[in-house]
Protein backbone atom coordinates (compact mmCIF):
# COMPACT_ATOMS: atom_id res chain seq x y z
CA MET A 1 76.42 72.63 71.44
CA ARG A 2 75.26 70.00 73.92
CA THR A 3 78.84 68.77 74.14
CA LEU A 4 80.03 72.26 75.09
CA LEU A 5 77.38 72.62 77.80
CA PHE A 6 78.24 69.20 79.23
CA LEU A 7 81.94 70.03 79.42
CA LEU A 8 81.22 73.38 81.08
CA LEU A 9 78.98 71.71 83.67
CA ALA A 10 81.66 69.10 84.39
CA SER A 11 84.31 71.77 84.91
CA LEU A 12 82.05 73.72 87.29
CA ILE A 13 81.25 70.65 89.37
CA SER A 14 84.88 69.53 89.62
CA VAL A 15 86.21 72.80 91.12
CA PRO A 16 85.11 74.28 94.48
CA ALA A 17 82.98 77.41 94.11
CA GLN A 18 85.02 79.49 96.56
CA GLY A 19 87.10 82.00 94.59
CA GLN A 20 85.63 80.82 91.32
CA GLN A 21 84.68 82.91 88.28
CA ILE A 22 82.62 81.87 85.26
CA HIS A 23 83.35 83.18 81.77
CA VAL A 24 81.30 82.82 78.57
CA GLN A 25 82.53 84.22 75.25
CA ALA A 26 81.60 84.13 71.58
CA GLY A 27 82.92 85.69 68.42
CA MET A 28 84.66 85.20 65.10
CA LEU A 29 87.33 82.74 64.02
CA ARG A 30 89.44 83.12 60.87
CA SER A 31 91.05 79.79 60.02
CA GLU A 32 93.75 78.46 57.72
CA PHE A 33 94.07 74.81 56.67
CA LEU A 34 97.72 73.68 56.57
CA TYR A 35 97.41 70.69 54.26
CA LYS A 36 100.09 68.58 52.58
CA ASP A 37 99.21 65.74 50.22
CA SER A 38 100.65 62.22 50.19
CA LYS A 39 103.69 63.50 48.29
CA GLY A 40 104.40 66.15 50.90
CA GLN A 41 103.30 69.03 48.66
CA ARG A 42 101.29 71.89 50.15
CA LEU A 43 97.85 72.52 48.67
CA GLU A 44 97.94 76.04 47.24
CA GLY A 45 95.13 78.47 46.59
CA LEU A 46 93.20 77.96 49.83
CA VAL A 47 91.34 81.02 51.11
CA PRO A 48 90.82 81.37 54.89
CA LEU A 49 87.16 81.80 55.87
CA LYS A 50 85.53 83.44 58.87
CA ASN A 51 83.25 81.42 61.11
CA PHE A 52 81.91 80.98 64.66
CA ALA A 53 83.82 80.40 67.91
CA MET A 54 82.58 80.00 71.47
CA SER A 55 84.15 79.15 74.80
CA ALA A 56 83.02 78.82 78.40
CA GLY A 57 84.55 77.72 81.66
CA ILE A 58 85.89 78.68 85.04
CA ARG A 59 88.70 81.00 86.11
CA ARG A 60 90.24 80.82 89.56
CA PRO A 61 93.14 82.62 91.27
CA PHE A 62 96.06 80.57 92.55
CA LYS A 63 95.67 82.45 95.84
CA ARG A 64 92.32 83.42 97.33
CA PHE A 65 92.82 87.19 97.22
CA ASP A 66 95.07 89.72 95.48
CA SER A 67 96.52 87.22 93.03
CA LYS A 68 97.52 88.27 89.53
CA TRP A 69 97.85 84.62 88.44
CA PHE A 70 94.85 82.47 87.48
CA TYR A 71 94.22 79.02 86.12
CA LEU A 72 91.40 78.28 83.68
CA LEU A 73 89.44 75.15 82.77
CA GLY A 74 86.75 75.11 80.15
CA ALA A 75 85.28 74.00 76.86
CA THR A 76 85.54 75.25 73.29
CA TYR A 77 83.29 75.05 70.22
CA GLU A 78 84.85 76.25 66.96
CA VAL A 79 84.13 76.02 63.24
CA TYR A 80 87.07 75.90 60.80
CA ALA A 81 86.48 76.53 57.11
CA THR A 82 88.38 77.16 53.90
CA ARG A 83 87.80 77.08 50.15
CA GLY A 84 89.84 77.20 47.00
CA THR A 85 90.29 76.25 43.37
CA SER A 86 92.86 73.79 42.10
CA GLN A 87 95.83 75.33 40.32
CA ASP A 88 95.85 72.77 37.49
CA ALA A 89 93.94 72.75 34.20
CA TYR A 90 90.86 71.15 35.80
CA GLN A 91 90.11 74.16 38.05
CA ASN A 92 88.24 72.03 40.59
CA TYR A 93 86.39 73.93 43.35
CA TYR A 94 86.65 72.60 46.88
CA GLU A 95 85.51 73.72 50.29
CA TRP A 96 85.96 72.27 53.77
CA LYS A 97 84.00 73.02 56.94
CA ALA A 98 84.87 71.25 60.19
CA THR A 99 83.35 71.79 63.64
CA TYR A 100 85.40 70.85 66.71
CA ALA A 101 84.50 70.68 70.41
CA GLY A 102 87.20 70.42 73.02
CA ILE A 103 88.42 71.08 76.52
CA SER A 104 91.02 73.65 77.47
CA ALA A 105 93.41 74.29 80.35
CA GLY A 106 95.59 77.35 80.75
CA ILE A 107 97.23 79.93 82.98
CA GLU A 108 96.57 83.66 82.89
CA ARG A 109 98.25 86.72 84.37
CA ASP A 110 96.95 90.22 84.90
CA LEU A 111 99.51 92.60 83.41
CA LEU A 112 98.24 96.13 83.95
CA THR A 113 95.29 97.70 85.74
CA ILE A 114 93.86 101.07 84.73
CA ARG A 115 91.58 102.32 87.48
CA SER A 116 88.50 104.40 86.85
CA ARG A 117 88.78 107.92 88.27
CA ARG A 118 85.09 108.01 89.17
CA LYS A 119 84.54 104.66 90.88
CA ASN A 120 87.15 102.49 92.61
CA ASN A 121 85.50 99.22 91.65
CA LYS A 122 85.50 100.02 87.92
CA GLY A 123 88.38 99.91 85.47
CA THR A 124 90.26 97.87 82.90
CA THR A 125 92.79 95.08 83.40
CA LEU A 126 95.01 93.85 80.56
CA PHE A 127 95.98 90.18 80.67
CA ALA A 128 97.88 87.44 78.81
CA ARG A 129 97.12 83.72 78.69
CA ALA A 130 98.69 80.48 77.48
CA ALA A 131 96.59 77.34 77.06
CA VAL A 132 96.42 73.88 75.52
CA ASN A 133 93.24 72.55 73.95
CA PRO A 134 92.59 68.97 72.75
CA ALA A 135 89.61 69.00 70.37
CA PHE A 136 87.52 66.45 68.48
CA LEU A 137 85.53 66.62 65.26
CA ILE A 138 81.77 66.57 65.85
CA LYS A 139 80.66 67.31 62.29
CA GLY A 140 82.16 68.38 58.98
CA SER A 141 81.73 68.42 55.23
CA GLN A 142 83.84 68.61 52.09
CA THR A 143 82.50 70.07 48.84
CA LEU A 144 84.18 69.04 45.60
CA ASN A 145 82.58 70.90 42.70
CA ASN A 146 78.89 70.00 43.17
CA GLU A 147 79.36 66.97 45.45
CA VAL A 148 79.27 67.09 49.25
CA PHE A 149 81.00 64.48 51.46
CA ASP A 150 80.83 63.83 55.20
CA LEU A 151 84.20 64.28 56.92
CA ARG A 152 83.36 62.08 59.89
CA GLY A 153 85.34 58.88 59.71
CA THR A 154 88.01 60.25 57.37
CA GLU A 155 91.56 59.70 58.61
CA GLN A 156 92.89 63.27 58.64
CA PHE A 157 89.81 64.93 60.14
CA ASN A 158 88.47 62.34 62.54
CA ALA A 159 91.57 62.15 64.74
CA PRO A 160 91.90 64.38 67.81
CA TYR A 161 93.80 67.65 67.40
CA LEU A 162 95.94 69.39 69.99
CA PHE A 163 95.87 73.19 69.86
CA GLY A 164 98.28 75.58 71.48
CA ARG A 165 96.82 79.00 72.26
CA ALA A 166 98.27 82.42 73.07
CA THR A 167 95.83 85.14 74.13
CA VAL A 168 95.91 88.83 74.99
CA GLY A 169 92.87 90.73 76.14
CA ALA A 170 91.18 93.06 78.58
CA ASN A 171 88.60 92.78 81.36
CA TYR A 172 86.49 95.87 82.07
CA CYS A 173 84.80 95.71 85.48
CA VAL A 174 81.26 97.04 85.44
CA SER A 175 80.50 96.02 89.04
CA ASN A 176 82.14 94.21 91.96
CA ARG A 177 81.33 90.84 90.43
CA VAL A 178 80.86 91.32 86.68
CA ALA A 179 83.42 92.16 84.00
CA VAL A 180 83.17 92.45 80.21
CA ILE A 181 85.87 90.57 78.28
CA ALA A 182 87.44 91.30 74.89
CA GLU A 183 90.32 89.18 73.64
CA TYR A 184 92.39 87.99 70.68
CA THR A 185 93.77 84.45 70.45
CA PHE A 186 96.30 82.91 68.07
CA ALA A 187 95.86 79.14 67.88
CA GLN A 188 97.63 76.38 65.99
CA GLY A 189 96.55 72.75 65.97
CA LEU A 190 98.27 69.49 65.03
CA ARG A 191 96.76 66.08 64.44
CA MET A 192 97.45 63.57 67.23
CA PRO A 193 99.37 61.39 66.91
CA ILE A 194 101.44 63.37 64.42
CA ASN A 195 102.85 60.46 62.42
CA VAL A 196 100.02 58.30 61.10
CA GLY A 197 100.16 56.12 58.01
CA ASP A 198 102.98 55.52 55.53
CA ASP A 199 102.57 58.61 53.37
CA GLU A 200 103.30 62.27 54.04
CA GLU A 201 99.70 63.50 54.06
CA LYS A 202 99.20 65.96 56.92
CA LEU A 203 96.58 68.45 58.05
CA GLY A 204 96.95 71.21 60.59
CA TYR A 205 95.05 74.35 61.52
CA ARG A 206 95.99 77.94 62.22
CA ALA A 207 93.40 80.38 63.56
CA HIS A 208 92.93 83.97 64.64
CA VAL A 209 90.08 84.22 67.13
CA PHE A 210 88.33 87.43 68.27
CA THR A 211 85.75 87.08 71.06
CA THR A 212 83.80 89.12 73.58
CA GLY A 213 81.92 87.95 76.64
CA ILE A 214 81.32 88.28 80.35
CA LEU A 215 83.14 87.18 83.50
CA ILE A 216 80.98 86.59 86.59
CA ALA A 217 82.47 86.13 90.05
CA LEU A 218 80.68 83.70 92.36
CA ASN A 219 80.42 83.94 96.16
CA ASN A 220 83.63 84.79 98.02
CA CYS A 221 85.32 85.92 94.79
CA ARG A 222 85.36 89.70 94.45
CA TYR A 223 87.69 89.98 91.48
CA CYS A 224 86.91 93.56 90.53
CA LEU A 225 86.63 94.74 94.14
CA THR A 226 90.01 93.34 95.19
CA GLN A 227 91.66 94.75 92.07
CA PHE A 228 90.45 98.32 92.46
CA ALA A 229 89.13 99.07 95.91
CA LYS A 230 92.42 99.66 97.72
């Protein structure tokens, strides 16, 4: 968690405050492990598990006012987990849990605004986002039957992963400067570099992420006001 806070602070310092918005979100992540062994065979019988996801960062329009395009910089903290039983006669039980922290960069576009009939500065905006997200293992464990192993230092888990992310969501403005966020993200991650070692062992991730949070506009950034008060 300290890593996430450090990355958020760095992103806030590096970008001028004018026109800047801060977002903080948390929610649920449902992950799949895409694992192939040294013979190139996929490990069957893995069950995706639900776990925790959090992100924070800044959002800024490409133009100062009335822009539907934004760029985002931030940090992510996500826990990936799966479990299963071997399909052979041994029926071994295994479970993996890996926590990654990373940085993200993306672009976002407002698609549709639905204005409140009662107040001009309230309403809902639908948006779409595309982002890339390098991430690094900060802790993890593997359980094999009754034994637990640390994943840090292992070849497949310890390397950085590059995630591609596609997001759809909605911002509901509750005031001139504060909006509530709800969004869904599909993410897929590959180990970097992709080709490591002489065998065909590979590990990737696929995730469905559901989060809610808040978006706060700083000075000289009236996101909700410029969207609705026209």
